[in-house]
Amino acid sequence: MFIPNPVARLGEEKACQYLIKKGYKIIERNFRKGYGEIDIVSIHQNILVFTEVKTRTTSLHGGAIEAISSQKIKKLVRTAQFYKMINPKLPDALRIDAILIDLNSNNEVINFKHIENISGF
């Protein structure tokens, strides 16, 4: 099983806590297929939601939003479509979201943003 680095793991934990509070049902984490990975798979209001989590501790290489390129979105779409194909009983409506988290040097959240439907999927 793939284990993300400690900063990514912390960000995913915070993202899951947030989603659960918002009524999302987490069904899988860190789903990997050769060409892509999805951080969080959940169901919300009968929509199958795939969430990409980007966590940053410094802005030296840009903030979290800069890490989600159009190429990354294409990989997410392809991986989400594969996930749905192997799980046909899950909801037919699909959406790809992003959660962007910036942490300070004490690993405290200084910026948290949930963007729904980043792919127009």
N, C-alpha and C. Protein backbone atom coordinates (compact mmCIF):
# COMPACT_ATOMS: atom_id res chain seq x y z
N MET A 1 0.83 -1.18 0.00
CA MET A 1 0.00 0.00 0.00
C MET A 1 0.88 1.25 0.00
N PHE A 2 0.47 2.25 -0.74
CA PHE A 2 1.19 3.52 -0.83
C PHE A 2 0.99 4.31 0.46
N ILE A 3 2.09 4.82 1.02
CA ILE A 3 2.00 5.65 2.23
C ILE A 3 2.54 7.03 1.86
N PRO A 4 1.69 8.06 1.94
CA PRO A 4 2.15 9.40 1.58
C PRO A 4 3.15 9.95 2.60
N ASN A 5 3.88 10.99 2.19
CA ASN A 5 4.84 11.60 3.12
C ASN A 5 4.08 12.21 4.30
N PRO A 6 4.77 12.52 5.40
CA PRO A 6 4.08 12.99 6.61
C PRO A 6 3.24 14.26 6.41
N VAL A 7 3.71 15.20 5.60
CA VAL A 7 2.94 16.42 5.37
C VAL A 7 1.68 16.09 4.58
N ALA A 8 1.82 15.26 3.55
CA ALA A 8 0.65 14.86 2.76
C ALA A 8 -0.34 14.08 3.63
N ARG A 9 0.16 13.20 4.46
CA ARG A 9 -0.71 12.41 5.35
C ARG A 9 -1.49 13.33 6.30
N LEU A 10 -0.79 14.32 6.87
CA LEU A 10 -1.45 15.28 7.77
C LEU A 10 -2.54 16.04 7.02
N GLY A 11 -2.23 16.50 5.81
CA GLY A 11 -3.22 17.21 5.01
C GLY A 11 -4.43 16.34 4.69
N GLU A 12 -4.19 15.09 4.34
CA GLU A 12 -5.30 14.18 4.03
C GLU A 12 -6.16 13.92 5.27
N GLU A 13 -5.52 13.81 6.43
CA GLU A 13 -6.29 13.62 7.67
C GLU A 13 -7.19 14.83 7.92
N LYS A 14 -6.63 16.03 7.77
CA LYS A 14 -7.42 17.24 7.98
C LYS A 14 -8.55 17.34 6.93
N ALA A 15 -8.25 16.96 5.70
CA ALA A 15 -9.27 16.98 4.65
C ALA A 15 -10.40 15.99 4.96
N CYS A 16 -10.05 14.80 5.41
CA CYS A 16 -11.08 13.80 5.76
C CYS A 16 -11.95 14.29 6.91
N GLN A 17 -11.32 14.87 7.93
CA GLN A 17 -12.09 15.40 9.07
C GLN A 17 -13.08 16.45 8.59
N TYR A 18 -12.64 17.34 7.72
CA TYR A 18 -13.49 18.39 7.16
C TYR A 18 -14.65 17.77 6.37
N LEU A 19 -14.33 16.83 5.48
CA LEU A 19 -15.38 16.22 4.64
C LEU A 19 -16.41 15.48 5.48
N ILE A 20 -15.96 14.75 6.47
CA ILE A 20 -16.89 14.03 7.35
C ILE A 20 -17.82 15.00 8.05
N LYS A 21 -17.28 16.12 8.55
CA LYS A 21 -18.13 17.14 9.19
C LYS A 21 -19.15 17.72 8.23
N LYS A 22 -18.81 17.75 6.94
CA LYS A 22 -19.71 18.28 5.91
C LYS A 22 -20.70 17.23 5.41
N GLY A 23 -20.65 16.02 5.96
CA GLY A 23 -21.60 14.98 5.60
C GLY A 23 -21.15 14.02 4.51
N TYR A 24 -19.88 14.06 4.14
CA TYR A 24 -19.35 13.13 3.15
C TYR A 24 -19.09 11.79 3.82
N LYS A 25 -19.32 10.70 3.08
CA LYS A 25 -19.00 9.36 3.57
C LYS A 25 -17.72 8.92 2.85
N ILE A 26 -16.64 8.81 3.60
CA ILE A 26 -15.36 8.40 3.02
C ILE A 26 -15.42 6.89 2.75
N ILE A 27 -15.14 6.51 1.50
CA ILE A 27 -15.18 5.07 1.19
C ILE A 27 -13.80 4.50 0.87
N GLU A 28 -12.85 5.36 0.51
CA GLU A 28 -11.50 4.86 0.25
C GLU A 28 -10.51 6.02 0.27
N ARG A 29 -9.28 5.68 0.63
CA ARG A 29 -8.19 6.67 0.61
C ARG A 29 -7.01 6.09 -0.15
N ASN A 30 -6.30 6.97 -0.84
CA ASN A 30 -5.08 6.62 -1.57
C ASN A 30 -5.29 5.46 -2.55
N PHE A 31 -6.35 5.58 -3.36
CA PHE A 31 -6.57 4.60 -4.42
C PHE A 31 -5.53 4.85 -5.51
N ARG A 32 -4.81 3.78 -5.89
CA ARG A 32 -3.77 3.91 -6.91
C ARG A 32 -4.04 2.96 -8.07
N LYS A 33 -3.85 3.50 -9.25
CA LYS A 33 -3.85 2.73 -10.48
C LYS A 33 -2.62 3.23 -11.22
N GLY A 34 -1.96 2.39 -11.99
CA GLY A 34 -0.70 2.71 -12.63
C GLY A 34 -0.51 4.14 -13.08
N TYR A 35 -1.53 4.74 -13.66
CA TYR A 35 -1.38 6.10 -14.21
C TYR A 35 -1.87 7.19 -13.29
N GLY A 36 -2.36 6.86 -12.12
CA GLY A 36 -2.84 7.92 -11.25
C GLY A 36 -3.19 7.45 -9.86
N GLU A 37 -3.45 8.42 -9.01
CA GLU A 37 -3.82 8.16 -7.63
C GLU A 37 -4.87 9.17 -7.22
N ILE A 38 -5.81 8.71 -6.41
CA ILE A 38 -6.84 9.60 -5.87
C ILE A 38 -6.71 9.56 -4.35
N ASP A 39 -6.59 10.74 -3.76
CA ASP A 39 -6.35 10.82 -2.32
C ASP A 39 -7.55 10.35 -1.51
N ILE A 40 -8.75 10.86 -1.84
CA ILE A 40 -9.95 10.52 -1.07
C ILE A 40 -11.09 10.24 -2.03
N VAL A 41 -11.78 9.13 -1.81
CA VAL A 41 -12.99 8.80 -2.56
C VAL A 41 -14.12 8.82 -1.54
N SER A 42 -15.18 9.56 -1.86
CA SER A 42 -16.30 9.67 -0.92
C SER A 42 -17.62 9.78 -1.68
N ILE A 43 -18.69 9.71 -0.92
CA ILE A 43 -20.03 9.92 -1.48
C ILE A 43 -20.67 11.07 -0.71
N HIS A 44 -21.26 12.00 -1.47
CA HIS A 44 -21.94 13.15 -0.87
C HIS A 44 -23.16 13.46 -1.71
N GLN A 45 -24.31 13.45 -1.09
CA GLN A 45 -25.58 13.76 -1.76
C GLN A 45 -25.72 12.94 -3.05
N ASN A 46 -25.45 11.65 -2.95
CA ASN A 46 -25.56 10.69 -4.05
C ASN A 46 -24.64 11.03 -5.24
N ILE A 47 -23.53 11.66 -4.94
CA ILE A 47 -22.49 11.94 -5.94
C ILE A 47 -21.20 11.27 -5.48
N LEU A 48 -20.56 10.56 -6.40
CA LEU A 48 -19.27 9.96 -6.12
C LEU A 48 -18.21 11.05 -6.30
N VAL A 49 -17.53 11.40 -5.20
CA VAL A 49 -16.61 12.53 -5.20
C VAL A 49 -15.17 12.03 -5.02
N PHE A 50 -14.32 12.46 -5.94
CA PHE A 50 -12.90 12.15 -5.89
C PHE A 50 -12.18 13.44 -5.50
N THR A 51 -11.43 13.39 -4.40
CA THR A 51 -10.82 14.62 -3.88
C THR A 51 -9.30 14.53 -3.93
N GLU A 52 -8.71 15.51 -4.57
CA GLU A 52 -7.25 15.68 -4.61
C GLU A 52 -6.88 16.64 -3.49
N VAL A 53 -5.97 16.22 -2.62
CA VAL A 53 -5.54 17.05 -1.51
C VAL A 53 -4.10 17.51 -1.78
N LYS A 54 -3.89 18.82 -1.72
CA LYS A 54 -2.55 19.38 -1.86
C LYS A 54 -2.22 20.15 -0.60
N THR A 55 -1.15 19.74 0.06
CA THR A 55 -0.74 20.36 1.32
C THR A 55 0.67 20.92 1.14
N ARG A 56 0.84 22.15 1.56
CA ARG A 56 2.14 22.81 1.43
C ARG A 56 2.55 23.42 2.77
N THR A 57 3.85 23.39 3.04
CA THR A 57 4.39 24.01 4.24
C THR A 57 5.19 25.26 3.90
N THR A 58 5.40 25.49 2.61
CA THR A 58 6.14 26.66 2.16
C THR A 58 5.63 27.06 0.78
N SER A 59 5.78 28.31 0.45
CA SER A 59 5.34 28.76 -0.87
C SER A 59 6.53 28.96 -1.81
N LEU A 60 7.67 28.38 -1.48
CA LEU A 60 8.86 28.53 -2.32
C LEU A 60 8.63 28.04 -3.75
N HIS A 61 7.87 26.99 -3.88
CA HIS A 61 7.58 26.42 -5.21
C HIS A 61 6.14 26.67 -5.60
N GLY A 62 5.54 27.71 -5.03
CA GLY A 62 4.14 28.02 -5.30
C GLY A 62 3.26 27.43 -4.23
N GLY A 63 2.04 27.92 -4.18
CA GLY A 63 1.07 27.41 -3.22
C GLY A 63 0.47 26.11 -3.70
N ALA A 64 -0.46 25.61 -2.93
CA ALA A 64 -1.08 24.32 -3.23
C ALA A 64 -1.82 24.34 -4.57
N ILE A 65 -2.46 25.44 -4.91
CA ILE A 65 -3.25 25.49 -6.15
C ILE A 65 -2.36 25.31 -7.38
N GLU A 66 -1.14 25.79 -7.34
CA GLU A 66 -0.24 25.67 -8.49
C GLU A 66 0.14 24.22 -8.77
N ALA A 67 -0.04 23.35 -7.80
CA ALA A 67 0.34 21.94 -7.96
C ALA A 67 -0.70 21.14 -8.74
N ILE A 68 -1.83 21.74 -9.04
CA ILE A 68 -2.88 21.02 -9.78
C ILE A 68 -2.91 21.54 -11.21
N SER A 69 -2.13 20.90 -12.05
CA SER A 69 -2.03 21.29 -13.46
C SER A 69 -3.15 20.65 -14.28
N SER A 70 -3.29 21.08 -15.51
CA SER A 70 -4.29 20.47 -16.39
C SER A 70 -3.94 19.00 -16.64
N GLN A 71 -2.65 18.69 -16.69
CA GLN A 71 -2.23 17.29 -16.86
C GLN A 71 -2.64 16.46 -15.63
N LYS A 72 -2.49 17.03 -14.45
CA LYS A 72 -2.89 16.34 -13.21
C LYS A 72 -4.40 16.08 -13.24
N ILE A 73 -5.17 17.06 -13.69
CA ILE A 73 -6.63 16.89 -13.76
C ILE A 73 -6.99 15.78 -14.74
N LYS A 74 -6.30 15.71 -15.87
CA LYS A 74 -6.57 14.63 -16.84
C LYS A 74 -6.31 13.26 -16.21
N LYS A 75 -5.23 13.14 -15.44
CA LYS A 75 -4.94 11.87 -14.76
C LYS A 75 -6.02 11.54 -13.73
N LEU A 76 -6.47 12.57 -13.01
CA LEU A 76 -7.54 12.35 -12.03
C LEU A 76 -8.81 11.87 -12.71
N VAL A 77 -9.17 12.49 -13.83
CA VAL A 77 -10.38 12.08 -14.56
C VAL A 77 -10.26 10.63 -15.00
N ARG A 78 -9.13 10.28 -15.58
CA ARG A 78 -8.95 8.90 -16.07
C ARG A 78 -9.00 7.90 -14.90
N THR A 79 -8.37 8.24 -13.80
CA THR A 79 -8.37 7.35 -12.64
C THR A 79 -9.77 7.25 -12.04
N ALA A 80 -10.50 8.36 -11.99
CA ALA A 80 -11.88 8.36 -11.47
C ALA A 80 -12.78 7.50 -12.36
N GLN A 81 -12.62 7.61 -13.66
CA GLN A 81 -13.42 6.80 -14.58
C GLN A 81 -13.13 5.31 -14.38
N PHE A 82 -11.87 4.96 -14.19
CA PHE A 82 -11.50 3.58 -13.93
C PHE A 82 -12.11 3.10 -12.61
N TYR A 83 -12.02 3.94 -11.59
CA TYR A 83 -12.58 3.58 -10.28
C TYR A 83 -14.08 3.29 -10.40
N LYS A 84 -14.79 4.14 -11.14
CA LYS A 84 -16.23 3.94 -11.32
C LYS A 84 -16.49 2.65 -12.10
N MET A 85 -15.66 2.37 -13.09
CA MET A 85 -15.84 1.15 -13.89
C MET A 85 -15.72 -0.10 -13.03
N ILE A 86 -14.78 -0.12 -12.09
CA ILE A 86 -14.59 -1.31 -11.25
C ILE A 86 -15.52 -1.31 -10.04
N ASN A 87 -16.27 -0.23 -9.85
CA ASN A 87 -17.24 -0.12 -8.75
C ASN A 87 -18.59 0.35 -9.30
N PRO A 88 -19.22 -0.45 -10.17
CA PRO A 88 -20.42 0.00 -10.87
C PRO A 88 -21.64 0.26 -9.98
N LYS A 89 -21.64 -0.23 -8.77
CA LYS A 89 -22.80 -0.03 -7.88
C LYS A 89 -22.77 1.32 -7.17
N LEU A 90 -21.67 2.04 -7.29
CA LEU A 90 -21.59 3.37 -6.68
C LEU A 90 -22.36 4.37 -7.52
N PRO A 91 -22.69 5.54 -6.98
CA PRO A 91 -23.49 6.53 -7.73
C PRO A 91 -22.89 6.84 -9.10
N ASP A 92 -23.77 7.09 -10.07
CA ASP A 92 -23.33 7.40 -11.44
C ASP A 92 -22.81 8.83 -11.57
N ALA A 93 -23.32 9.74 -10.76
CA ALA A 93 -22.86 11.13 -10.82
C ALA A 93 -21.46 11.20 -10.21
N LEU A 94 -20.53 11.83 -10.94
CA LEU A 94 -19.13 11.91 -10.50
C LEU A 94 -18.70 13.37 -10.42
N ARG A 95 -17.78 13.63 -9.51
CA ARG A 95 -17.23 14.98 -9.39
C ARG A 95 -15.80 14.88 -8.86
N ILE A 96 -14.94 15.77 -9.32
CA ILE A 96 -13.57 15.84 -8.81
C ILE A 96 -13.40 17.17 -8.11
N ASP A 97 -13.02 17.10 -6.85
CA ASP A 97 -12.80 18.28 -6.01
C ASP A 97 -11.32 18.40 -5.66
N ALA A 98 -10.96 19.55 -5.14
CA ALA A 98 -9.61 19.75 -4.60
C ALA A 98 -9.73 20.38 -3.23
N ILE A 99 -8.88 19.96 -2.34
CA ILE A 99 -8.73 20.63 -1.05
C ILE A 99 -7.28 21.09 -0.97
N LEU A 100 -7.13 22.38 -0.76
CA LEU A 100 -5.82 23.02 -0.73
C LEU A 100 -5.53 23.47 0.70
N ILE A 101 -4.39 23.03 1.23
CA ILE A 101 -4.06 23.32 2.62
C ILE A 101 -2.64 23.89 2.70
N ASP A 102 -2.51 25.02 3.36
CA ASP A 102 -1.20 25.59 3.65
C ASP A 102 -1.01 25.50 5.16
N LEU A 103 0.19 25.01 5.56
CA LEU A 103 0.52 24.86 6.98
C LEU A 103 1.66 25.80 7.34
N ASN A 104 1.68 26.23 8.59
CA ASN A 104 2.83 27.02 9.06
C ASN A 104 3.92 26.06 9.54
N SER A 105 4.99 26.61 10.09
CA SER A 105 6.12 25.78 10.51
C SER A 105 5.78 24.85 11.67
N ASN A 106 4.66 25.10 12.36
CA ASN A 106 4.20 24.23 13.44
C ASN A 106 3.15 23.24 12.97
N ASN A 107 3.00 23.11 11.65
CA ASN A 107 2.00 22.23 11.04
C ASN A 107 0.57 22.61 11.42
N GLU A 108 0.34 23.89 11.66
CA GLU A 108 -1.01 24.40 11.91
C GLU A 108 -1.56 24.94 10.60
N VAL A 109 -2.84 24.73 10.38
CA VAL A 109 -3.47 25.19 9.15
C VAL A 109 -3.56 26.71 9.15
N ILE A 110 -3.00 27.33 8.09
CA ILE A 110 -3.13 28.78 7.95
C ILE A 110 -4.03 29.14 6.77
N ASN A 111 -4.27 28.17 5.89
CA ASN A 111 -5.19 28.39 4.77
C ASN A 111 -5.78 27.04 4.38
N PHE A 112 -7.10 27.00 4.22
CA PHE A 112 -7.81 25.76 3.88
C PHE A 112 -8.89 26.13 2.88
N LYS A 113 -8.87 25.51 1.72
CA LYS A 113 -9.86 25.83 0.70
C LYS A 113 -10.36 24.56 0.03
N HIS A 114 -11.69 24.43 -0.07
CA HIS A 114 -12.32 23.30 -0.76
C HIS A 114 -12.91 23.84 -2.05
N ILE A 115 -12.43 23.31 -3.18
CA ILE A 115 -12.95 23.72 -4.48
C ILE A 115 -13.68 22.53 -5.09
N GLU A 116 -14.97 22.71 -5.36
CA GLU A 116 -15.75 21.62 -5.96
C GLU A 116 -15.65 21.66 -7.48
N ASN A 117 -15.65 20.47 -8.06
CA ASN A 117 -15.74 20.27 -9.50
C ASN A 117 -14.62 20.99 -10.27
N ILE A 118 -13.39 20.64 -9.98
CA ILE A 118 -12.25 21.28 -10.63
C ILE A 118 -12.08 20.86 -12.08
N SER A 119 -12.75 19.79 -12.50
CA SER A 119 -12.53 19.26 -13.84
C SER A 119 -13.66 19.58 -14.81
N GLY A 120 -14.79 20.07 -14.32
CA GLY A 120 -15.95 20.24 -15.19
C GLY A 120 -16.51 18.89 -15.61
N PHE A 121 -16.20 17.86 -14.90
CA PHE A 121 -16.50 16.43 -15.14
C PHE A 121 -17.97 16.18 -15.01
